[in-house]
């Protein structure tokens, strides 16, 4: 009966741990720096907060404009509002008036 004797190589025992370390390193790196990693999640959160603030500003602006439109709509047309809009659009005022421009009239 023939038996084969293999030399135990130190290199063979290191293959599985080296592959495991490479595997874990690759996925560990991409879990932090990848497109959907932790740093990308922080960037997405910053964008969400900035866009929420922008949305709140736009909603407030829209509400102001809707209030102005409601004042100019049929049935509730106020003479003062109509006079104010006409003066602003035509860039006219009486000589005894002081004109203060406000940004919401744009």
N, C-alpha and C. Protein backbone atom coordinates (compact mmCIF):
# COMPACT_ATOMS: atom_id res chain seq x y z
N UNK A 1 0.85 -1.16 0.00
CA UNK A 1 0.00 0.00 0.00
C UNK A 1 0.90 1.24 0.00
N UNK A 2 0.56 2.09 -0.87
CA UNK A 2 1.35 3.31 -1.02
C UNK A 2 0.70 4.46 -0.24
N UNK A 3 1.43 5.24 0.43
CA UNK A 3 0.93 6.44 1.10
C UNK A 3 1.75 7.64 0.63
N UNK A 4 1.08 8.70 0.52
CA UNK A 4 1.79 9.93 0.12
C UNK A 4 1.93 10.83 1.33
N UNK A 5 3.04 11.36 1.44
CA UNK A 5 3.29 12.29 2.54
C UNK A 5 3.39 13.70 1.96
N UNK A 6 2.62 14.57 2.56
CA UNK A 6 2.67 15.96 2.11
C UNK A 6 3.41 16.79 3.13
N UNK A 7 4.21 17.65 2.61
CA UNK A 7 4.87 18.59 3.50
C UNK A 7 3.84 19.63 3.91
N UNK A 8 3.81 19.97 5.13
CA UNK A 8 2.91 21.03 5.58
C UNK A 8 3.59 22.36 5.27
N UNK A 9 2.93 23.10 4.43
CA UNK A 9 3.49 24.39 4.05
C UNK A 9 2.85 25.49 4.88
N UNK A 10 3.63 26.43 5.28
CA UNK A 10 3.10 27.56 6.04
C UNK A 10 2.25 28.46 5.15
N UNK A 11 2.55 28.49 3.88
CA UNK A 11 1.82 29.32 2.93
C UNK A 11 0.36 28.85 2.80
N UNK A 12 0.12 27.57 2.83
CA UNK A 12 -1.24 27.02 2.68
C UNK A 12 -2.14 27.38 3.84
N UNK A 13 -1.59 27.49 5.01
CA UNK A 13 -2.40 27.85 6.17
C UNK A 13 -2.79 29.32 6.17
N UNK A 14 -2.13 30.15 5.40
CA UNK A 14 -2.42 31.59 5.37
C UNK A 14 -3.40 31.99 4.27
N UNK A 15 -3.75 31.09 3.40
CA UNK A 15 -4.63 31.45 2.27
C UNK A 15 -6.02 31.83 2.75
N UNK A 16 -6.66 31.00 3.55
CA UNK A 16 -8.02 31.29 4.02
C UNK A 16 -8.08 32.57 4.86
N UNK A 17 -7.20 32.80 5.82
CA UNK A 17 -7.24 34.07 6.55
C UNK A 17 -6.98 35.28 5.65
N UNK A 18 -6.09 35.14 4.66
CA UNK A 18 -5.81 36.26 3.76
C UNK A 18 -7.03 36.59 2.91
N UNK A 19 -7.72 35.58 2.42
CA UNK A 19 -8.94 35.80 1.63
C UNK A 19 -10.02 36.44 2.51
N UNK A 20 -10.12 35.98 3.74
CA UNK A 20 -11.11 36.53 4.67
C UNK A 20 -10.82 37.99 4.98
N UNK A 21 -9.57 38.31 5.23
CA UNK A 21 -9.19 39.71 5.51
C UNK A 21 -9.45 40.59 4.30
N UNK A 22 -9.13 40.09 3.11
CA UNK A 22 -9.39 40.87 1.89
C UNK A 22 -10.89 41.10 1.70
N UNK A 23 -11.68 40.08 1.93
CA UNK A 23 -13.13 40.17 1.79
C UNK A 23 -13.71 41.19 2.77
N UNK A 24 -13.33 41.09 4.03
CA UNK A 24 -13.83 42.02 5.05
C UNK A 24 -13.34 43.44 4.81
N UNK A 25 -12.11 43.58 4.36
CA UNK A 25 -11.57 44.92 4.07
C UNK A 25 -12.34 45.59 2.93
N UNK A 26 -12.62 44.83 1.89
CA UNK A 26 -13.34 45.38 0.74
C UNK A 26 -14.72 45.87 1.15
N UNK A 27 -15.49 45.02 1.84
CA UNK A 27 -16.84 45.42 2.22
C UNK A 27 -16.84 46.45 3.34
N UNK A 28 -15.84 46.41 4.21
CA UNK A 28 -15.73 47.43 5.25
C UNK A 28 -15.47 48.81 4.67
N UNK A 29 -14.58 48.87 3.70
CA UNK A 29 -14.28 50.14 3.05
C UNK A 29 -15.52 50.71 2.36
N UNK A 30 -16.23 49.86 1.63
CA UNK A 30 -17.40 50.34 0.89
C UNK A 30 -18.59 50.62 1.80
N UNK A 31 -18.62 50.04 2.97
CA UNK A 31 -19.70 50.39 3.90
C UNK A 31 -19.51 51.80 4.47
N UNK A 32 -18.29 52.30 4.45
CA UNK A 32 -18.03 53.67 4.90
C UNK A 32 -18.01 54.66 3.75
N UNK A 33 -17.31 54.34 2.67
CA UNK A 33 -17.03 55.30 1.61
C UNK A 33 -17.82 55.07 0.33
N UNK A 34 -18.63 54.05 0.27
CA UNK A 34 -19.33 53.72 -0.97
C UNK A 34 -20.50 54.67 -1.26
N UNK A 35 -21.20 54.42 -2.35
CA UNK A 35 -22.33 55.26 -2.75
C UNK A 35 -23.46 55.25 -1.72
N UNK A 36 -23.61 54.16 -0.98
CA UNK A 36 -24.65 54.05 0.03
C UNK A 36 -24.06 53.83 1.41
N UNK A 37 -22.84 54.26 1.62
CA UNK A 37 -22.14 54.07 2.89
C UNK A 37 -22.55 55.11 3.92
N UNK A 38 -21.85 55.09 5.03
CA UNK A 38 -22.19 55.99 6.13
C UNK A 38 -21.94 57.45 5.78
N UNK A 39 -20.87 57.74 5.09
CA UNK A 39 -20.62 59.14 4.71
C UNK A 39 -21.64 59.64 3.71
N UNK A 40 -22.06 58.81 2.79
CA UNK A 40 -23.10 59.20 1.83
C UNK A 40 -24.41 59.44 2.56
N UNK A 41 -24.70 58.65 3.60
CA UNK A 41 -25.93 58.84 4.37
C UNK A 41 -25.89 60.20 5.08
N UNK A 42 -24.73 60.60 5.57
CA UNK A 42 -24.61 61.92 6.20
C UNK A 42 -24.84 63.03 5.18
N UNK A 43 -24.31 62.88 3.99
CA UNK A 43 -24.53 63.87 2.93
C UNK A 43 -26.01 63.95 2.56
N UNK A 44 -26.66 62.79 2.46
CA UNK A 44 -28.10 62.77 2.15
C UNK A 44 -28.90 63.48 3.25
N UNK A 45 -28.50 63.29 4.49
CA UNK A 45 -29.22 63.93 5.60
C UNK A 45 -29.03 65.44 5.55
N UNK A 46 -27.81 65.90 5.24
CA UNK A 46 -27.59 67.35 5.11
C UNK A 46 -28.44 67.94 3.98
N UNK A 47 -28.51 67.23 2.87
CA UNK A 47 -29.33 67.70 1.75
C UNK A 47 -30.81 67.73 2.14
N UNK A 48 -31.25 66.73 2.90
CA UNK A 48 -32.66 66.68 3.31
C UNK A 48 -33.00 67.87 4.21
N UNK A 49 -32.10 68.20 5.13
CA UNK A 49 -32.35 69.33 6.04
C UNK A 49 -32.37 70.64 5.25
N UNK A 50 -31.44 70.80 4.31
CA UNK A 50 -31.40 72.03 3.51
C UNK A 50 -32.66 72.16 2.66
N UNK A 51 -33.09 71.07 2.08
CA UNK A 51 -34.28 71.12 1.22
C UNK A 51 -35.55 71.29 2.04
N UNK A 52 -35.58 70.80 3.27
CA UNK A 52 -36.73 71.03 4.15
C UNK A 52 -36.85 72.51 4.49
N UNK A 53 -35.71 73.15 4.75
CA UNK A 53 -35.73 74.58 5.04
C UNK A 53 -36.19 75.37 3.81
N UNK A 54 -35.71 74.97 2.64
CA UNK A 54 -36.12 75.63 1.40
C UNK A 54 -37.61 75.44 1.16
N UNK A 55 -38.10 74.24 1.44
CA UNK A 55 -39.53 73.97 1.26
C UNK A 55 -40.37 74.83 2.19
N UNK A 56 -39.93 74.96 3.45
CA UNK A 56 -40.67 75.79 4.40
C UNK A 56 -40.72 77.25 3.93
N UNK A 57 -39.61 77.73 3.39
CA UNK A 57 -39.57 79.10 2.87
C UNK A 57 -40.53 79.26 1.68
N UNK A 58 -40.52 78.29 0.78
CA UNK A 58 -41.40 78.36 -0.39
C UNK A 58 -42.87 78.24 0.00
N UNK A 59 -43.17 77.42 1.00
CA UNK A 59 -44.56 77.29 1.46
C UNK A 59 -45.03 78.61 2.05
N UNK A 60 -44.17 79.27 2.84
CA UNK A 60 -44.54 80.57 3.40
C UNK A 60 -44.76 81.61 2.31
N UNK A 61 -43.91 81.60 1.31
CA UNK A 61 -44.05 82.55 0.20
C UNK A 61 -45.36 82.28 -0.56
N UNK A 62 -45.66 81.00 -0.76
CA UNK A 62 -46.90 80.65 -1.47
C UNK A 62 -48.12 81.09 -0.67
N UNK A 63 -48.09 80.92 0.65
CA UNK A 63 -49.22 81.35 1.47
C UNK A 63 -49.42 82.86 1.39
N UNK A 64 -48.30 83.62 1.40
CA UNK A 64 -48.44 85.08 1.26
C UNK A 64 -49.05 85.45 -0.09
N UNK A 65 -48.59 84.78 -1.14
CA UNK A 65 -49.14 85.06 -2.47
C UNK A 65 -50.61 84.66 -2.56
N UNK A 66 -50.98 83.56 -1.95
CA UNK A 66 -52.39 83.14 -1.96
C UNK A 66 -53.26 84.15 -1.21
N UNK A 67 -52.73 84.69 -0.10
CA UNK A 67 -53.47 85.73 0.62
C UNK A 67 -53.68 86.96 -0.25
N UNK A 68 -52.64 87.36 -0.99
CA UNK A 68 -52.78 88.52 -1.87
C UNK A 68 -53.78 88.24 -2.99
N UNK A 69 -53.73 87.05 -3.55
CA UNK A 69 -54.67 86.69 -4.62
C UNK A 69 -56.09 86.68 -4.08
N UNK A 70 -56.25 86.18 -2.86
CA UNK A 70 -57.58 86.15 -2.27
C UNK A 70 -58.12 87.57 -2.08
N UNK A 71 -57.25 88.50 -1.70
CA UNK A 71 -57.69 89.88 -1.54
C UNK A 71 -58.04 90.53 -2.88
N UNK A 72 -57.42 90.06 -3.97
CA UNK A 72 -57.70 90.64 -5.29
C UNK A 72 -58.79 89.89 -6.05
N UNK A 73 -59.28 88.77 -5.52
CA UNK A 73 -60.27 87.98 -6.26
C UNK A 73 -61.65 88.64 -6.22
N UNK A 74 -62.52 88.16 -7.09
CA UNK A 74 -63.88 88.71 -7.19
C UNK A 74 -64.64 88.55 -5.87
N UNK A 75 -65.45 89.53 -5.57
CA UNK A 75 -66.26 89.48 -4.38
C UNK A 75 -65.58 90.06 -3.15
N UNK A 76 -64.28 90.01 -3.09
CA UNK A 76 -63.58 90.54 -1.93
C UNK A 76 -62.50 91.54 -2.35
N UNK A 77 -62.70 92.19 -3.45
CA UNK A 77 -61.71 93.13 -3.96
C UNK A 77 -61.67 94.35 -3.05
N UNK A 78 -60.56 94.55 -2.43
CA UNK A 78 -60.41 95.69 -1.53
C UNK A 78 -59.79 96.85 -2.31
N UNK A 79 -60.35 97.99 -2.08
CA UNK A 79 -59.91 99.18 -2.80
C UNK A 79 -58.45 99.53 -2.48
N UNK A 80 -58.06 99.38 -1.22
CA UNK A 80 -56.68 99.69 -0.82
C UNK A 80 -55.68 98.76 -1.51
N UNK A 81 -56.02 97.47 -1.58
CA UNK A 81 -55.11 96.51 -2.20
C UNK A 81 -54.99 96.80 -3.70
N UNK A 82 -56.09 97.10 -4.34
CA UNK A 82 -56.06 97.41 -5.76
C UNK A 82 -55.24 98.69 -6.01
N UNK A 83 -55.42 99.68 -5.15
CA UNK A 83 -54.67 100.93 -5.29
C UNK A 83 -53.17 100.68 -5.08
N UNK A 84 -52.84 99.87 -4.09
CA UNK A 84 -51.44 99.56 -3.80
C UNK A 84 -50.79 98.84 -4.98
N UNK A 85 -51.45 97.84 -5.54
CA UNK A 85 -50.91 97.10 -6.67
C UNK A 85 -50.76 97.99 -7.91
N UNK A 86 -51.74 98.83 -8.16
CA UNK A 86 -51.67 99.72 -9.32
C UNK A 86 -50.51 100.70 -9.19
N UNK A 87 -50.32 101.26 -8.02
CA UNK A 87 -49.22 102.20 -7.80
C UNK A 87 -47.87 101.50 -7.96
N UNK A 88 -47.78 100.27 -7.45
CA UNK A 88 -46.51 99.55 -7.55
C UNK A 88 -46.20 99.20 -9.01
N UNK A 89 -47.20 98.70 -9.74
CA UNK A 89 -46.98 98.31 -11.12
C UNK A 89 -46.67 99.50 -12.02
N UNK A 90 -47.34 100.62 -11.76
CA UNK A 90 -47.14 101.81 -12.59
C UNK A 90 -46.00 102.70 -12.09
N UNK A 91 -45.48 102.37 -10.91
CA UNK A 91 -44.38 103.12 -10.33
C UNK A 91 -44.76 104.59 -10.15
N UNK A 92 -45.91 104.79 -9.55
CA UNK A 92 -46.42 106.15 -9.36
C UNK A 92 -46.82 106.35 -7.90
N UNK A 93 -46.75 107.60 -7.45
CA UNK A 93 -47.23 107.97 -6.12
C UNK A 93 -47.54 109.46 -6.13
N UNK A 94 -48.23 109.86 -5.09
CA UNK A 94 -48.54 111.29 -4.97
C UNK A 94 -47.34 112.01 -4.38
N UNK A 95 -47.21 113.30 -4.63
CA UNK A 95 -46.03 114.05 -4.13
C UNK A 95 -45.92 114.07 -2.61
N UNK A 96 -47.04 113.93 -1.88
CA UNK A 96 -46.98 114.01 -0.43
C UNK A 96 -46.83 112.64 0.25
N UNK A 97 -46.57 111.60 -0.52
CA UNK A 97 -46.46 110.25 0.03
C UNK A 97 -45.00 109.82 0.16
N UNK A 98 -44.77 108.96 1.13
CA UNK A 98 -43.47 108.32 1.29
C UNK A 98 -43.64 106.86 0.87
N UNK A 99 -42.81 106.41 -0.04
CA UNK A 99 -42.93 105.06 -0.58
C UNK A 99 -41.86 104.17 0.04
N UNK A 100 -42.31 103.04 0.60
CA UNK A 100 -41.40 102.04 1.16
C UNK A 100 -41.67 100.74 0.41
N UNK A 101 -40.67 100.27 -0.32
CA UNK A 101 -40.82 99.03 -1.08
C UNK A 101 -40.51 97.83 -0.19
N UNK A 102 -41.36 96.84 -0.29
CA UNK A 102 -41.17 95.61 0.48
C UNK A 102 -40.99 94.46 -0.50
N UNK A 103 -40.23 93.44 -0.12
CA UNK A 103 -39.87 92.37 -1.06
C UNK A 103 -41.04 91.47 -1.42
N UNK A 104 -42.09 91.37 -0.61
CA UNK A 104 -43.19 90.45 -0.91
C UNK A 104 -44.08 90.97 -2.03
N UNK A 105 -43.91 92.19 -2.46
CA UNK A 105 -44.75 92.74 -3.52
C UNK A 105 -44.26 92.35 -4.92
N UNK A 106 -43.14 91.70 -5.02
CA UNK A 106 -42.57 91.34 -6.33
C UNK A 106 -43.47 90.44 -7.06
